[in-house]
Protein backbone atom coordinates (compact mmCIF):
# COMPACT_ATOMS: atom_id res chain seq x y z
CA GLN A 1 -18.33 -34.39 39.49
CA VAL A 2 -19.14 -30.73 38.90
CA GLN A 3 -22.71 -30.11 39.78
CA LEU A 4 -25.25 -27.88 41.54
CA VAL A 5 -28.08 -29.41 43.50
CA GLU A 6 -30.99 -27.38 44.56
CA SER A 7 -33.44 -28.21 47.30
CA GLY A 8 -36.12 -26.53 49.42
CA GLY A 9 -38.89 -25.87 46.84
CA GLY A 10 -42.52 -26.65 47.58
CA LEU A 11 -46.06 -25.38 47.90
CA VAL A 12 -46.71 -22.45 50.28
CA GLN A 13 -49.50 -20.03 50.85
CA ALA A 14 -49.17 -16.37 49.94
CA GLY A 15 -47.38 -14.44 52.69
CA GLY A 16 -45.48 -17.56 53.63
CA SER A 17 -41.69 -18.30 53.52
CA LEU A 18 -39.38 -20.84 51.97
CA ARG A 19 -35.61 -21.21 51.93
CA LEU A 20 -33.89 -22.63 48.85
CA SER A 21 -30.46 -24.18 49.11
CA CYS A 22 -27.92 -25.02 46.35
CA ALA A 23 -25.03 -27.21 47.11
CA ALA A 24 -22.04 -27.05 44.81
CA SER A 25 -19.64 -29.85 44.11
CA ALA A 26 -16.12 -29.98 42.50
CA ILE A 27 -15.88 -26.20 42.02
CA THR A 28 -13.82 -23.40 43.62
CA PHE A 29 -16.85 -22.23 45.34
CA ARG A 30 -15.47 -19.33 47.39
CA ALA A 31 -14.10 -17.71 44.17
CA SER A 32 -17.41 -18.21 42.27
CA SER A 33 -20.32 -15.87 41.69
CA MET A 34 -23.53 -17.60 42.54
CA ALA A 35 -27.03 -16.63 41.59
CA TRP A 36 -30.70 -17.69 41.54
CA TYR A 37 -32.81 -17.43 38.48
CA ARG A 38 -36.48 -18.35 38.01
CA GLN A 39 -38.65 -19.26 35.11
CA ALA A 40 -42.41 -19.16 35.15
CA PRO A 41 -44.54 -20.94 32.54
CA GLY A 42 -44.53 -19.09 29.28
CA LYS A 43 -41.91 -16.60 30.50
CA GLN A 44 -38.20 -16.17 29.99
CA ARG A 45 -35.79 -17.06 32.73
CA GLU A 46 -34.98 -14.05 34.91
CA LEU A 47 -32.35 -13.24 37.49
CA VAL A 48 -33.71 -13.16 41.01
CA ALA A 49 -30.65 -12.51 43.10
CA GLY A 50 -26.96 -12.83 42.81
CA ILE A 51 -23.99 -12.85 45.25
CA ARG A 52 -20.35 -12.38 44.37
CA SER A 53 -17.31 -13.94 45.93
CA ASP A 54 -16.81 -10.73 48.04
CA ARG A 55 -20.59 -11.26 49.28
CA THR A 56 -21.84 -8.26 47.34
CA ALA A 57 -25.47 -8.98 46.46
CA ASN A 58 -27.93 -7.72 44.00
CA TYR A 59 -31.65 -8.30 43.55
CA ALA A 60 -34.40 -8.03 41.00
CA ASP A 61 -36.71 -5.17 41.87
CA SER A 62 -39.58 -7.46 42.22
CA VAL A 63 -38.00 -9.34 45.19
CA LYS A 64 -36.07 -6.50 46.95
CA GLY A 65 -37.01 -6.41 50.68
CA ARG A 66 -38.53 -9.85 50.56
CA PHE A 67 -35.74 -12.19 49.37
CA THR A 68 -32.18 -12.52 50.86
CA ILE A 69 -29.35 -14.35 49.21
CA SER A 70 -26.51 -15.65 51.23
CA ARG A 71 -23.60 -18.12 50.94
CA ASP A 72 -21.75 -20.43 53.26
CA ASN A 73 -18.30 -20.99 51.73
CA ALA A 74 -17.44 -23.70 54.35
CA LYS A 75 -20.49 -25.71 53.08
CA ASN A 76 -20.16 -24.75 49.36
CA THR A 77 -23.75 -23.74 49.56
CA VAL A 78 -25.86 -20.73 48.53
CA TYR A 79 -29.24 -19.91 50.05
CA LEU A 80 -32.26 -17.91 48.99
CA GLN A 81 -34.48 -16.93 51.85
CA MET A 82 -37.91 -15.93 50.46
CA ASN A 83 -40.35 -14.14 52.64
CA SER A 84 -43.76 -12.58 52.01
CA LEU A 85 -44.24 -14.83 49.00
CA LYS A 86 -46.73 -13.87 46.38
CA PRO A 87 -48.54 -16.01 43.73
CA GLU A 88 -46.42 -14.27 41.11
CA ASP A 89 -43.28 -15.77 42.71
CA THR A 90 -44.46 -19.16 41.39
CA ALA A 91 -41.72 -20.64 39.09
CA VAL A 92 -39.02 -23.07 38.69
CA TYR A 93 -36.00 -21.67 40.63
CA TYR A 94 -32.48 -22.47 39.21
CA CYS A 95 -29.15 -22.05 40.88
CA ASN A 96 -26.31 -20.64 38.72
CA ALA A 97 -22.55 -20.50 39.26
CA ILE A 98 -19.95 -18.67 37.31
CA THR A 99 -16.50 -20.03 38.15
CA ILE A 100 -13.08 -18.99 37.15
CA ALA A 101 -9.92 -21.06 36.35
CA PRO A 102 -11.44 -22.78 34.48
CA PHE A 103 -14.37 -20.54 33.37
CA LEU A 104 -17.67 -22.44 33.78
CA ASN A 105 -21.29 -21.35 33.62
CA LEU A 106 -23.18 -23.97 35.61
CA TRP A 107 -26.88 -24.59 36.21
CA GLY A 108 -28.78 -26.81 38.65
CA GLN A 109 -31.72 -28.90 37.75
CA GLY A 110 -34.19 -26.51 39.20
CA THR A 111 -36.72 -26.65 42.05
CA GLN A 112 -40.34 -25.83 41.90
CA VAL A 113 -41.79 -23.09 43.95
CA THR A 114 -45.62 -22.76 44.01
CA VAL A 115 -47.39 -20.00 45.91
CA SER A 116 -51.15 -20.28 46.29
CA SER A 117 -53.40 -17.35 46.73
């Protein structure tokens, strides 16, 4: 079954850290572009970080220097290490995969991250 399953969300105080994981099933993971998006209440979903199959990464300006995206192709898993968290990082975080052959645009169910001040 094709799916993305996120984990690692939770409640943390400002300045703390969390690591999100996204495990992919039934896709050609190593050839896929992976990304993390987030959506805060009343706001549009926004790209947080992406990592291509060649491990080239890109980040939203708001998280540069604080968040790191990485991937483990052996485990079909993408990670988002979040440090120096701020209350404005509070959102539901979604994992996204863009696969080729066939082309698929996949989303996970989301995981809540809440940062208290």
